[in-house]
Amino acid sequence: MTHTRRSAGVDTRSCKYRPRLQYNHIKTQTHTPVPAVVLTKADSEDTLNLLHGLDIVFADLRDPNILYVAFKGEGEGCVMLVDFDWPAKDGEGRYPTMLNPNNAWHDEVTPYGVIRKSHDLWQLARLKALCHPGA
């Protein structure tokens, strides 16, 4: 199955951010949960801090939208956020009018509700708790 997603312009060899969006074609066999390595690496928080520093909220920080790119033979990798349909300025952007009720959302998230940085931070904490139950 081939998915087309938009991702932050990232040089995957050095994880340096570029101020553009690009289309990536990602071939996947199966969907697996976000591995703990992704959420324990500083990259996931650094990526979010980069956006929040620009007053941008990602708004859809769920496991299918977080990729870990491993560098062949180097034992390292970086985190990439994909699916840039919803990012908006904090307090100005709005969620779509239809949200999947089966997904976990912050209590303040409602259809066409205002997008806030605290929603991203809640999602990050939720994902970390899934990787490290009881921590």
Protein backbone atom coordinates (compact mmCIF):
# COMPACT_ATOMS: atom_id res chain seq x y z
CA MET A 1 0.00 0.00 0.00
CA THR A 2 1.40 3.44 -0.87
CA HIS A 3 0.51 6.48 1.19
CA THR A 4 1.19 10.04 0.10
CA ARG A 5 1.82 12.38 2.98
CA ARG A 6 3.19 15.84 3.32
CA SER A 7 6.07 16.24 5.72
CA ALA A 8 8.21 19.06 7.01
CA GLY A 9 11.10 19.61 4.63
CA VAL A 10 13.68 17.50 6.40
CA ASP A 11 17.11 16.48 5.21
CA THR A 12 16.85 12.90 6.46
CA ARG A 13 20.64 12.48 6.45
CA SER A 14 21.18 15.20 9.03
CA CYS A 15 17.68 15.98 10.34
CA LYS A 16 18.11 19.66 9.51
CA TYR A 17 14.87 21.54 9.06
CA ARG A 18 14.12 23.41 5.89
CA PRO A 19 11.37 26.03 5.56
CA ARG A 20 9.25 24.12 3.04
CA LEU A 21 6.87 21.21 2.70
CA GLN A 22 7.45 18.24 0.46
CA TYR A 23 5.49 15.21 -0.65
CA ASN A 24 6.86 11.84 0.33
CA HIS A 25 5.69 8.48 -0.93
CA ILE A 26 5.90 5.99 1.91
CA LYS A 27 5.47 2.28 1.28
CA THR A 28 4.18 0.44 4.32
CA GLN A 29 3.34 -3.19 4.86
CA THR A 30 1.61 -2.91 8.21
CA HIS A 31 0.80 -0.22 10.74
CA THR A 32 2.63 -0.57 14.02
CA PRO A 33 2.44 1.67 17.09
CA VAL A 34 5.04 4.37 17.60
CA PRO A 35 8.12 2.66 19.00
CA ALA A 36 9.33 3.87 22.37
CA VAL A 37 12.61 5.02 20.81
CA VAL A 38 10.74 7.71 18.90
CA LEU A 39 9.18 9.27 21.94
CA THR A 40 12.22 8.96 24.17
CA LYS A 41 14.49 10.66 21.67
CA ALA A 42 14.82 14.38 22.13
CA ASP A 43 13.88 14.79 18.45
CA SER A 44 10.16 14.38 19.09
CA GLU A 45 10.08 17.20 21.63
CA ASP A 46 12.59 19.27 19.64
CA THR A 47 10.39 19.01 16.56
CA LEU A 48 7.35 20.12 18.53
CA ASN A 49 9.33 22.92 20.21
CA LEU A 50 10.47 24.15 16.80
CA LEU A 51 6.85 24.46 15.64
CA HIS A 52 5.63 25.92 18.93
CA GLY A 53 8.51 28.44 18.86
CA LEU A 54 7.02 29.69 15.59
CA ASP A 55 3.59 29.77 17.30
CA ILE A 56 2.44 26.84 15.14
CA VAL A 57 0.38 23.96 16.52
CA PHE A 58 0.70 20.61 14.73
CA ALA A 59 -2.83 19.67 15.92
CA ASP A 60 -2.82 16.03 14.74
CA LEU A 61 -0.01 14.53 16.81
CA ARG A 62 -1.10 10.90 16.67
CA ASP A 63 1.09 7.84 16.15
CA PRO A 64 0.37 7.47 12.39
CA ASN A 65 1.77 10.99 11.90
CA ILE A 66 5.13 10.37 13.58
CA LEU A 67 7.86 8.61 11.64
CA TYR A 68 11.24 7.43 12.83
CA VAL A 69 13.81 7.47 10.04
CA ALA A 70 16.74 5.17 10.81
CA PHE A 71 20.02 5.85 9.07
CA LYS A 72 21.38 2.71 7.48
CA GLY A 73 24.47 1.47 9.27
CA GLU A 74 24.71 4.47 11.57
CA GLY A 75 22.57 3.23 14.47
CA GLU A 76 20.90 6.61 14.71
CA GLY A 77 17.91 8.25 13.16
CA CYS A 78 15.53 11.15 13.52
CA VAL A 79 11.87 11.84 14.09
CA MET A 80 9.68 13.35 11.38
CA LEU A 81 6.14 14.65 11.67
CA VAL A 82 3.99 13.94 8.62
CA ASP A 83 0.52 14.88 7.43
CA PHE A 84 0.61 18.66 7.61
CA ASP A 85 -3.10 19.21 6.91
CA TRP A 86 -4.02 20.79 10.24
CA PRO A 87 -1.11 22.90 11.55
CA ALA A 88 -2.15 26.44 12.31
CA LYS A 89 -1.23 29.43 14.41
CA ASP A 90 -1.94 28.90 18.11
CA GLY A 91 -5.36 30.24 19.03
CA GLU A 92 -6.29 31.13 15.45
CA GLY A 93 -6.54 27.82 13.59
CA ARG A 94 -9.52 25.49 13.91
CA TYR A 95 -9.94 21.75 13.83
CA PRO A 96 -11.96 20.23 10.99
CA THR A 97 -15.71 20.12 11.39
CA MET A 98 -15.56 16.33 11.62
CA LEU A 99 -13.19 14.58 14.04
CA ASN A 100 -12.88 10.84 14.47
CA PRO A 101 -14.46 10.13 17.88
CA ASN A 102 -12.43 6.90 18.10
CA ASN A 103 -9.20 8.87 18.39
CA ALA A 104 -7.95 10.16 21.72
CA TRP A 105 -8.30 13.95 21.92
CA HIS A 106 -7.65 16.56 24.59
CA ASP A 107 -10.88 17.47 26.44
CA GLU A 108 -10.91 20.92 24.83
CA VAL A 109 -10.70 19.55 21.27
CA THR A 110 -14.07 19.79 19.52
CA PRO A 111 -15.16 19.85 15.89
CA TYR A 112 -14.23 23.28 14.52
CA GLY A 113 -12.74 24.13 17.92
CA VAL A 114 -9.74 26.43 18.33
CA ILE A 115 -6.32 24.78 17.99
CA ARG A 116 -3.96 25.24 20.98
CA LYS A 117 -0.35 24.26 21.77
CA SER A 118 -1.57 22.55 24.94
CA HIS A 119 -3.37 20.00 22.73
CA ASP A 120 -0.05 18.98 21.12
CA LEU A 121 1.61 18.71 24.53
CA TRP A 122 -1.25 16.56 25.80
CA GLN A 123 -0.93 14.22 22.81
CA LEU A 124 2.84 13.92 23.28
CA ALA A 125 2.37 13.05 26.97
CA ARG A 126 -0.35 10.52 26.03
CA LEU A 127 1.90 8.82 23.48
CA LYS A 128 4.80 8.70 25.94
CA ALA A 129 2.51 7.11 28.55
CA LEU A 130 1.54 4.42 26.02
CA CYS A 131 5.22 3.59 25.53
CA HIS A 132 6.01 3.65 29.25
CA PRO A 133 2.92 2.60 31.21
CA GLY A 134 3.04 3.58 34.86
CA ALA A 135 5.93 6.01 34.39
